[in-house]
Amino acid sequence: MRVYAEHVVECFGTERVMFGSDWPVLILAANYQDWYDFTLDLTDQWSEGEKRNFYHDNAVRFYRL
């Protein structure tokens, strides 16, 4: 899964991707904590600004919150 996520980030950049899930469908294969832990691992080496974009700012901007 990581290789796909990294490819998406490489193609679109951290200013155009955001945290999300397909809950409750995801619990057919894993649990929500596993998914969240995956994103924490994926973003571990990102700057604080990149993480803020991914977990918050991009959604605020896209959904005009």
Protein backbone atom coordinates (compact mmCIF):
# COMPACT_ATOMS: atom_id res chain seq x y z
CA MET A 1 0.00 0.00 0.00
CA ARG A 2 2.82 2.39 0.84
CA VAL A 3 4.26 2.34 -2.69
CA TYR A 4 0.89 3.51 -4.06
CA ALA A 5 0.50 6.25 -1.48
CA GLU A 6 4.03 7.50 -2.12
CA HIS A 7 3.34 7.54 -5.86
CA VAL A 8 0.23 9.66 -5.34
CA VAL A 9 2.16 12.12 -3.17
CA GLU A 10 4.97 12.21 -5.74
CA CYS A 11 2.49 12.99 -8.53
CA PHE A 12 0.31 15.52 -6.72
CA GLY A 13 2.44 16.88 -3.87
CA THR A 14 1.55 17.39 -0.24
CA GLU A 15 -0.42 20.51 -1.12
CA ARG A 16 -2.99 18.43 -3.06
CA VAL A 17 -3.49 15.24 -1.01
CA MET A 18 -5.44 14.89 2.23
CA PHE A 19 -6.15 12.38 4.93
CA GLY A 20 -9.26 10.30 4.42
CA SER A 21 -10.64 6.80 4.59
CA ASP A 22 -13.46 4.72 3.24
CA TRP A 23 -14.71 3.88 6.72
CA PRO A 24 -16.72 1.75 7.39
CA VAL A 25 -15.64 -0.25 4.34
CA LEU A 26 -12.01 -0.26 5.50
CA ILE A 27 -12.91 -2.37 8.52
CA LEU A 28 -13.47 -5.31 6.16
CA ALA A 29 -9.68 -5.58 5.81
CA ALA A 30 -8.28 -3.73 8.83
CA ASN A 31 -9.37 -1.37 11.56
CA TYR A 32 -9.39 2.40 11.65
CA GLN A 33 -6.36 2.53 13.96
CA ASP A 34 -4.32 0.48 11.47
CA TRP A 35 -5.23 2.94 8.73
CA TYR A 36 -4.37 5.95 10.86
CA ASP A 37 -1.08 4.32 11.92
CA PHE A 38 -0.29 3.77 8.23
CA THR A 39 -0.70 7.49 7.56
CA LEU A 40 1.45 8.38 10.56
CA ASP A 41 4.19 6.14 9.19
CA LEU A 42 3.76 7.56 5.67
CA THR A 43 4.08 11.15 6.90
CA ASP A 44 6.78 10.52 9.51
CA GLN A 45 9.55 12.24 7.52
CA TRP A 46 7.38 15.11 6.26
CA SER A 47 7.79 18.64 7.55
CA GLU A 48 5.23 20.02 10.00
CA GLY A 49 3.75 22.13 7.19
CA GLU A 50 3.34 19.11 4.92
CA LYS A 51 1.64 17.19 7.73
CA ARG A 52 -0.62 20.16 8.48
CA ASN A 53 -1.61 20.26 4.79
CA PHE A 54 -2.34 16.53 4.71
CA TYR A 55 -4.28 16.29 7.97
CA HIS A 56 -6.03 19.67 7.95
CA ASP A 57 -5.34 22.58 5.61
CA ASN A 58 -6.00 20.85 2.27
CA ALA A 59 -9.46 19.72 3.41
CA VAL A 60 -10.27 23.18 4.78
CA ARG A 61 -9.29 24.75 1.47
CA PHE A 62 -10.97 22.14 -0.75
CA TYR A 63 -14.25 22.00 1.17
CA ARG A 64 -14.17 25.73 1.93
CA LEU A 65 -14.59 25.17 5.65
